[in-house]
């Protein structure tokens, strides 16, 4: 619905923001092994329940957007 934005960084941090105010909703600092692979592509599902991130080596991880529990 365009209300939230998600982004990832080389340091592995994933942040969900409100699009209009740019206030941080949630932040996850995670480790993609081996270290230093970071988040290359990050996306939030259309229902805003899942966040996915791929690392520079193609590793994919998916989290619950509310709890940050690793789903996949």
PDB file of N, CA and C in Angstrom:
ATOM      1  N   UNK A   1       0.810  -1.203   0.000  1.00  0.00           N
ATOM      2  CA  UNK A   1       0.000   0.000   0.000  1.00  0.00           C
ATOM      3  C   UNK A   1       0.856   1.271   0.000  1.00  0.00           C
ATOM      4  N   UNK A   2       2.162   1.106  -0.024  1.00  0.00           N
ATOM      5  CA  UNK A   2       3.045   2.253  -0.113  1.00  0.00           C
ATOM      6  C   UNK A   2       3.259   3.010   1.178  1.00  0.00           C
ATOM      7  N   UNK A   3       2.777   2.469   2.294  1.00  0.00           N
ATOM      8  CA  UNK A   3       2.936   3.160   3.570  1.00  0.00           C
ATOM      9  C   UNK A   3       4.286   2.882   4.218  1.00  0.00           C
ATOM     10  N   UNK A   4       4.926   1.791   3.817  1.00  0.00           N
ATOM     11  CA  UNK A   4       6.198   1.407   4.426  1.00  0.00           C
ATOM     12  C   UNK A   4       7.262   1.178   3.361  1.00  0.00           C
ATOM     13  N   UNK A   5       8.493   1.438   3.756  1.00  0.00           N
ATOM     14  CA  UNK A   5       9.652   1.211   2.899  1.00  0.00           C
ATOM     15  C   UNK A   5      10.607   0.316   3.669  1.00  0.00           C
ATOM     16  N   UNK A   6      11.263  -0.596   2.972  1.00  0.00           N
ATOM     17  CA  UNK A   6      12.272  -1.441   3.609  1.00  0.00           C
ATOM     18  C   UNK A   6      13.575  -1.286   2.839  1.00  0.00           C
ATOM     19  N   UNK A   7      14.676  -1.232   3.584  1.00  0.00           N
ATOM     20  CA  UNK A   7      15.970  -1.199   2.910  1.00  0.00           C
ATOM     21  C   UNK A   7      16.986  -2.002   3.705  1.00  0.00           C
ATOM     22  N   UNK A   8      17.977  -2.497   2.993  1.00  0.00           N
ATOM     23  CA  UNK A   8      19.060  -3.253   3.600  1.00  0.00           C
ATOM     24  C   UNK A   8      20.386  -2.633   3.218  1.00  0.00           C
ATOM     25  N   UNK A   9      21.433  -3.031   3.951  1.00  0.00           N
ATOM     26  CA  UNK A   9      22.747  -2.437   3.719  1.00  0.00           C
ATOM     27  C   UNK A   9      23.834  -3.495   3.748  1.00  0.00           C
ATOM     28  N   UNK A  10      25.029  -3.097   3.339  1.00  0.00           N
ATOM     29  CA  UNK A  10      26.173  -4.009   3.333  1.00  0.00           C
ATOM     30  C   UNK A  10      26.489  -4.562   4.711  1.00  0.00           C
ATOM     31  N   UNK A  11      26.184  -3.795   5.766  1.00  0.00           N
ATOM     32  CA  UNK A  11      26.486  -4.252   7.124  1.00  0.00           C
ATOM     33  C   UNK A  11      25.461  -5.253   7.645  1.00  0.00           C
ATOM     34  N   UNK A  12      24.446  -5.596   6.829  1.00  0.00           N
ATOM     35  CA  UNK A  12      23.451  -6.587   7.213  1.00  0.00           C
ATOM     36  C   UNK A  12      22.246  -6.008   7.922  1.00  0.00           C
ATOM     37  N   UNK A  13      22.192  -4.712   8.108  1.00  0.00           N
ATOM     38  CA  UNK A  13      21.072  -4.083   8.797  1.00  0.00           C
ATOM     39  C   UNK A  13      19.896  -3.937   7.836  1.00  0.00           C
ATOM     40  N   UNK A  14      18.699  -4.281   8.332  1.00  0.00           N
ATOM     41  CA  UNK A  14      17.460  -4.110   7.574  1.00  0.00           C
ATOM     42  C   UNK A  14      16.570  -3.176   8.378  1.00  0.00           C
ATOM     43  N   UNK A  15      16.020  -2.154   7.717  1.00  0.00           N
ATOM     44  CA  UNK A  15      15.189  -1.168   8.400  1.00  0.00           C
ATOM     45  C   UNK A  15      13.864  -1.037   7.661  1.00  0.00           C
ATOM     46  N   UNK A  16      12.759  -1.018   8.436  1.00  0.00           N
ATOM     47  CA  UNK A  16      11.431  -0.741   7.892  1.00  0.00           C
ATOM     48  C   UNK A  16      11.055   0.667   8.361  1.00  0.00           C
ATOM     49  N   UNK A  17      10.662   1.521   7.402  1.00  0.00           N
ATOM     50  CA  UNK A  17      10.335   2.924   7.667  1.00  0.00           C
ATOM     51  C   UNK A  17       8.894   3.215   7.268  1.00  0.00           C
ATOM     52  N   UNK A  18       8.304   4.252   7.893  1.00  0.00           N
ATOM     53  CA  UNK A  18       7.062   4.820   7.375  1.00  0.00           C
ATOM     54  C   UNK A  18       7.434   5.718   6.208  1.00  0.00           C
ATOM     55  N   UNK A  19       6.780   5.546   5.062  1.00  0.00           N
ATOM     56  CA  UNK A  19       7.125   6.303   3.859  1.00  0.00           C
ATOM     57  C   UNK A  19       6.878   7.803   4.024  1.00  0.00           C
ATOM     58  N   UNK A  20       5.802   8.172   4.712  1.00  0.00           N
ATOM     59  CA  UNK A  20       5.459   9.593   4.799  1.00  0.00           C
ATOM     60  C   UNK A  20       6.301  10.360   5.815  1.00  0.00           C
ATOM     61  N   UNK A  21       6.595   9.761   6.977  1.00  0.00           N
ATOM     62  CA  UNK A  21       7.325  10.474   8.035  1.00  0.00           C
ATOM     63  C   UNK A  21       8.800  10.098   8.095  1.00  0.00           C
ATOM     64  N   UNK A  22       9.147   8.985   7.477  1.00  0.00           N
ATOM     65  CA  UNK A  22      10.505   8.432   7.508  1.00  0.00           C
ATOM     66  C   UNK A  22      10.930   7.991   8.910  1.00  0.00           C
ATOM     67  N   UNK A  23       9.960   7.810   9.801  1.00  0.00           N
ATOM     68  CA  UNK A  23      10.235   7.262  11.131  1.00  0.00           C
ATOM     69  C   UNK A  23      10.520   5.773  11.005  1.00  0.00           C
ATOM     70  N   UNK A  24      11.457   5.280  11.812  1.00  0.00           N
ATOM     71  CA  UNK A  24      11.800   3.859  11.799  1.00  0.00           C
ATOM     72  C   UNK A  24      10.736   3.070  12.548  1.00  0.00           C
ATOM     73  N   UNK A  25      10.246   2.015  11.912  1.00  0.00           N
ATOM     74  CA  UNK A  25       9.282   1.113  12.535  1.00  0.00           C
ATOM     75  C   UNK A  25      10.025  -0.012  13.240  1.00  0.00           C
ATOM     76  N   UNK A  26      10.931  -0.670  12.509  1.00  0.00           N
ATOM     77  CA  UNK A  26      11.713  -1.790  13.040  1.00  0.00           C
ATOM     78  C   UNK A  26      13.079  -1.807  12.394  1.00  0.00           C
ATOM     79  N   UNK A  27      14.040  -2.321  13.150  1.00  0.00           N
ATOM     80  CA  UNK A  27      15.395  -2.448  12.625  1.00  0.00           C
ATOM     81  C   UNK A  27      15.937  -3.808  13.038  1.00  0.00           C
ATOM     82  N   UNK A  28      16.537  -4.501  12.099  1.00  0.00           N
ATOM     83  CA  UNK A  28      17.147  -5.802  12.366  1.00  0.00           C
ATOM     84  C   UNK A  28      18.598  -5.754  11.924  1.00  0.00           C
ATOM     85  N   UNK A  29      19.484  -6.084  12.842  1.00  0.00           N
ATOM     86  CA  UNK A  29      20.885  -6.283  12.474  1.00  0.00           C
ATOM     87  C   UNK A  29      21.104  -7.779  12.490  1.00  0.00           C
ATOM     88  N   UNK A  30      21.400  -8.355  11.363  1.00  0.00           N
ATOM     89  CA  UNK A  30      21.554  -9.801  11.273  1.00  0.00           C
ATOM     90  C   UNK A  30      22.888 -10.125  10.649  1.00  0.00           C
ATOM     91  N   UNK A  31      23.212 -11.379  10.666  1.00  0.00           N
ATOM     92  CA  UNK A  31      24.475 -11.830  10.087  1.00  0.00           C
ATOM     93  C   UNK A  31      24.186 -12.808   8.971  1.00  0.00           C
ATOM     94  N   UNK A  32      24.666 -12.503   7.797  1.00  0.00           N
ATOM     95  CA  UNK A  32      24.644 -13.463   6.702  1.00  0.00           C
ATOM     96  C   UNK A  32      26.050 -14.029   6.603  1.00  0.00           C
ATOM     97  N   UNK A  33      26.207 -15.295   6.816  1.00  0.00           N
ATOM     98  CA  UNK A  33      27.539 -15.908   6.823  1.00  0.00           C
ATOM     99  C   UNK A  33      27.973 -16.278   5.423  1.00  0.00           C
ATOM    100  N   UNK A  34      29.216 -16.134   5.049  1.00  0.00           N
ATOM    101  CA  UNK A  34      30.247 -15.504   5.866  1.00  0.00           C
ATOM    102  C   UNK A  34      30.017 -14.006   5.974  1.00  0.00           C
ATOM    103  N   UNK A  35      30.574 -13.422   6.989  1.00  0.00           N
ATOM    104  CA  UNK A  35      30.385 -11.996   7.274  1.00  0.00           C
ATOM    105  C   UNK A  35      30.799 -11.122   6.092  1.00  0.00           C
ATOM    106  N   UNK A  36      30.157  -9.973   6.023  1.00  0.00           N
ATOM    107  CA  UNK A  36      30.497  -9.012   4.989  1.00  0.00           C
ATOM    108  C   UNK A  36      29.688  -9.135   3.710  1.00  0.00           C
ATOM    109  N   UNK A  37      28.717 -10.062   3.682  1.00  0.00           N
ATOM    110  CA  UNK A  37      27.934 -10.229   2.458  1.00  0.00           C
ATOM    111  C   UNK A  37      26.773  -9.249   2.369  1.00  0.00           C
ATOM    112  N   UNK A  38      26.294  -8.753   3.492  1.00  0.00           N
ATOM    113  CA  UNK A  38      25.270  -7.723   3.518  1.00  0.00           C
ATOM    114  C   UNK A  38      23.989  -8.071   2.801  1.00  0.00           C
ATOM    115  N   UNK A  39      23.144  -7.064   2.619  1.00  0.00           N
ATOM    116  CA  UNK A  39      21.871  -7.206   1.922  1.00  0.00           C
ATOM    117  C   UNK A  39      21.975  -6.548   0.565  1.00  0.00           C
ATOM    118  N   UNK A  40      21.829  -7.340  -0.468  1.00  0.00           N
ATOM    119  CA  UNK A  40      21.919  -6.839  -1.833  1.00  0.00           C
ATOM    120  C   UNK A  40      20.552  -6.371  -2.319  1.00  0.00           C
ATOM    121  N   UNK A  41      19.527  -7.198  -2.138  1.00  0.00           N
ATOM    122  CA  UNK A  41      18.145  -6.848  -2.475  1.00  0.00           C
ATOM    123  C   UNK A  41      17.297  -7.084  -1.239  1.00  0.00           C
ATOM    124  N   UNK A  42      16.392  -6.167  -0.943  1.00  0.00           N
ATOM    125  CA  UNK A  42      15.502  -6.276   0.207  1.00  0.00           C
ATOM    126  C   UNK A  42      14.098  -5.916  -0.254  1.00  0.00           C
ATOM    127  N   UNK A  43      13.104  -6.678   0.236  1.00  0.00           N
ATOM    128  CA  UNK A  43      11.718  -6.425  -0.169  1.00  0.00           C
ATOM    129  C   UNK A  43      10.794  -6.775   0.991  1.00  0.00           C
ATOM    130  N   UNK A  44       9.669  -6.069   1.073  1.00  0.00           N
ATOM    131  CA  UNK A  44       8.627  -6.393   2.044  1.00  0.00           C
ATOM    132  C   UNK A  44       7.426  -6.904   1.251  1.00  0.00           C
ATOM    133  N   UNK A  45       6.759  -7.929   1.766  1.00  0.00           N
ATOM    134  CA  UNK A  45       5.616  -8.505   1.054  1.00  0.00           C
ATOM    135  C   UNK A  45       4.470  -7.497   0.977  1.00  0.00           C
ATOM    136  N   UNK A  46       3.569  -7.691   0.034  1.00  0.00           N
ATOM    137  CA  UNK A  46       2.462  -6.750  -0.167  1.00  0.00           C
ATOM    138  C   UNK A  46       1.548  -6.658   1.052  1.00  0.00           C
ATOM    139  N   UNK A  47       1.471  -7.740   1.843  1.00  0.00           N
ATOM    140  CA  UNK A  47       0.674  -7.693   3.069  1.00  0.00           C
ATOM    141  C   UNK A  47       1.507  -7.226   4.265  1.00  0.00           C
ATOM    142  N   UNK A  48       2.779  -6.891   4.019  1.00  0.00           N
ATOM    143  CA  UNK A  48       3.720  -6.372   5.011  1.00  0.00           C
ATOM    144  C   UNK A  48       3.981  -7.338   6.164  1.00  0.00           C
ATOM    145  N   UNK A  49       3.809  -8.642   5.920  1.00  0.00           N
ATOM    146  CA  UNK A  49       4.041  -9.643   6.960  1.00  0.00           C
ATOM    147  C   UNK A  49       5.413 -10.287   6.878  1.00  0.00           C
ATOM    148  N   UNK A  50       6.083 -10.195   5.730  1.00  0.00           N
ATOM    149  CA  UNK A  50       7.392 -10.829   5.542  1.00  0.00           C
ATOM    150  C   UNK A  50       8.377  -9.838   4.934  1.00  0.00           C
ATOM    151  N   UNK A  51       9.634  -9.971   5.349  1.00  0.00           N
ATOM    152  CA  UNK A  51      10.729  -9.194   4.772  1.00  0.00           C
ATOM    153  C   UNK A  51      11.754 -10.192   4.257  1.00  0.00           C
ATOM    154  N   UNK A  52      12.205  -9.995   3.025  1.00  0.00           N
ATOM    155  CA  UNK A  52      13.198 -10.888   2.429  1.00  0.00           C
ATOM    156  C   UNK A  52      14.445 -10.095   2.066  1.00  0.00           C
ATOM    157  N   UNK A  53      15.588 -10.772   2.149  1.00  0.00           N
ATOM    158  CA  UNK A  53      16.866 -10.153   1.820  1.00  0.00           C
ATOM    159  C   UNK A  53      17.751 -11.193   1.154  1.00  0.00           C
ATOM    160  N   UNK A  54      18.405 -10.781   0.072  1.00  0.00           N
ATOM    161  CA  UNK A  54      19.425 -11.629  -0.536  1.00  0.00           C
ATOM    162  C   UNK A  54      20.782 -10.994  -0.289  1.00  0.00           C
ATOM    163  N   UNK A  55      21.780 -11.849  -0.097  1.00  0.00           N
ATOM    164  CA  UNK A  55      23.137 -11.360   0.114  1.00  0.00           C
ATOM    165  C   UNK A  55      23.872 -11.342  -1.215  1.00  0.00           C
ATOM    166  N   UNK A  56      25.091 -10.853  -1.192  1.00  0.00           N
ATOM    167  CA  UNK A  56      25.876 -10.746  -2.419  1.00  0.00           C
ATOM    168  C   UNK A  56      26.252 -12.104  -3.004  1.00  0.00           C
ATOM    169  N   UNK A  57      26.170 -13.174  -2.192  1.00  0.00           N
ATOM    170  CA  UNK A  57      26.461 -14.513  -2.727  1.00  0.00           C
ATOM    171  C   UNK A  57      25.194 -15.255  -3.142  1.00  0.00           C
ATOM    172  N   UNK A  58      24.023 -14.577  -3.104  1.00  0.00           N
ATOM    173  CA  UNK A  58      22.772 -15.190  -3.519  1.00  0.00           C
ATOM    174  C   UNK A  58      21.981 -15.840  -2.399  1.00  0.00           C
ATOM    175  N   UNK A  59      22.484 -15.809  -1.157  1.00  0.00           N
ATOM    176  CA  UNK A  59      21.757 -16.356  -0.016  1.00  0.00           C
ATOM    177  C   UNK A  59      20.463 -15.564   0.191  1.00  0.00           C
ATOM    178  N   UNK A  60      19.360 -16.272   0.431  1.00  0.00           N
ATOM    179  CA  UNK A  60      18.068 -15.642   0.683  1.00  0.00           C
ATOM    180  C   UNK A  60      17.638 -15.948   2.104  1.00  0.00           C
ATOM    181  N   UNK A  61      17.181 -14.922   2.825  1.00  0.00           N
ATOM    182  CA  UNK A  61      16.577 -15.108   4.145  1.00  0.00           C
ATOM    183  C   UNK A  61      15.267 -14.345   4.162  1.00  0.00           C
ATOM    184  N   UNK A  62      14.273 -14.929   4.869  1.00  0.00           N
ATOM    185  CA  UNK A  62      12.959 -14.310   4.992  1.00  0.00           C
ATOM    186  C   UNK A  62      12.596 -14.268   6.471  1.00  0.00           C
ATOM    187  N   UNK A  63      12.140 -13.098   6.935  1.00  0.00           N
ATOM    188  CA  UNK A  63      11.768 -12.908   8.329  1.00  0.00           C
ATOM    189  C   UNK A  63      10.309 -12.508   8.439  1.00  0.00           C
ATOM    190  N   UNK A  64       9.712 -12.806   9.611  1.00  0.00           N
ATOM    191  CA  UNK A  64       8.419 -12.260   9.985  1.00  0.00           C
ATOM    192  C   UNK A  64       8.652 -10.772  10.274  1.00  0.00           C
ATOM    193  N   UNK A  65       7.895  -9.879   9.666  1.00  0.00           N
ATOM    194  CA  UNK A  65       8.130  -8.441   9.796  1.00  0.00           C
ATOM    195  C   UNK A  65       7.755  -7.885  11.163  1.00  0.00           C
ATOM    196  N   UNK A  66       6.965  -8.617  11.936  1.00  0.00           N
ATOM    197  CA  UNK A  66       6.595  -8.151  13.277  1.00  0.00           C
ATOM    198  C   UNK A  66       7.577  -8.623  14.339  1.00  0.00           C
ATOM    199  N   UNK A  67       7.989  -9.880  14.252  1.00  0.00           N
ATOM    200  CA  UNK A  67       8.804 -10.485  15.319  1.00  0.00           C
ATOM    201  C   UNK A  67      10.274 -10.626  14.962  1.00  0.00           C
ATOM    202  N   UNK A  68      10.616 -10.476  13.683  1.00  0.00           N
ATOM    203  CA  UNK A  68      11.955 -10.728  13.132  1.00  0.00           C
ATOM    204  C   UNK A  68      12.369 -12.185  13.288  1.00  0.00           C
ATOM    205  N   UNK A  69      11.397 -13.072  13.495  1.00  0.00           N
ATOM    206  CA  UNK A  69      11.694 -14.506  13.514  1.00  0.00           C
ATOM    207  C   UNK A  69      12.058 -14.939  12.098  1.00  0.00           C
ATOM    208  N   UNK A  70      13.154 -15.693  11.975  1.00  0.00           N
ATOM    209  CA  UNK A  70      13.586 -16.188  10.677  1.00  0.00           C
ATOM    210  C   UNK A  70      12.598 -17.244  10.198  1.00  0.00           C
ATOM    211  N   UNK A  71      12.018 -17.048   9.014  1.00  0.00           N
ATOM    212  CA  UNK A  71      11.014 -17.943   8.449  1.00  0.00           C
ATOM    213  C   UNK A  71      11.649 -18.914   7.469  1.00  0.00           C
ATOM    214  N   UNK A  72      12.628 -18.428   6.689  1.00  0.00           N
ATOM    215  CA  UNK A  72      13.265 -19.256   5.663  1.00  0.00           C
ATOM    216  C   UNK A  72      14.711 -18.846   5.523  1.00  0.00           C
TER     217      UNK A  72
END
